[in-house]
Amino acid sequence: MRLSSMADYAVVTMSAAARHCGGARVSAAQLALETGLPAPTVQKLVSRLTAAGLLRSVRGAGGGLQLARPAAAISLADIVEAVEGPIALATCLEQGRHDCALEPCCSVRPHWPAVNEALRGALAQVPLTRLAQMEVVA
């Protein structure tokens, strides 16, 4: 399993936003500069992350972006889901998806919800505070 580039970039963007001390506001342009990501990509991510309630946008003088809640209360799962939707290894459980030829006789399908929940649970255990650290702590 691999994260999409957009999910990866969302984690990088949120980590950069979290490094701004005390909830200081930062512009999308500044996040693009700090992360090395293209500004249009950061703008798209900011839009999704704001819609998901992870970032807050403040307009006007002194405006900018800031985390919508404390970094410790935002998990890797929250960020990935903001960009990718629900975390799932198999698409056969998605509403309206019936494109698998094995669906009528699949013996594994009933087990995917437990696998998906385990994966989401593991990602939910990684807080943004840890991702925002400049040094890796084992």
Foldseek 3Di string as FASTA:
>chain_A
DDADPLLVVLLLLLLVQLPPPPFQFDALVVSCVVRVNDSVSSVVSVVLCVVLQQKDFDDDVSTHIGGSDHQQQAWSLSSSCSPPNQQFPDPCPPPPDDPDPCVVPDPCVVVRVVVSVVVSVVRRVHTSVQSNDPDHDD
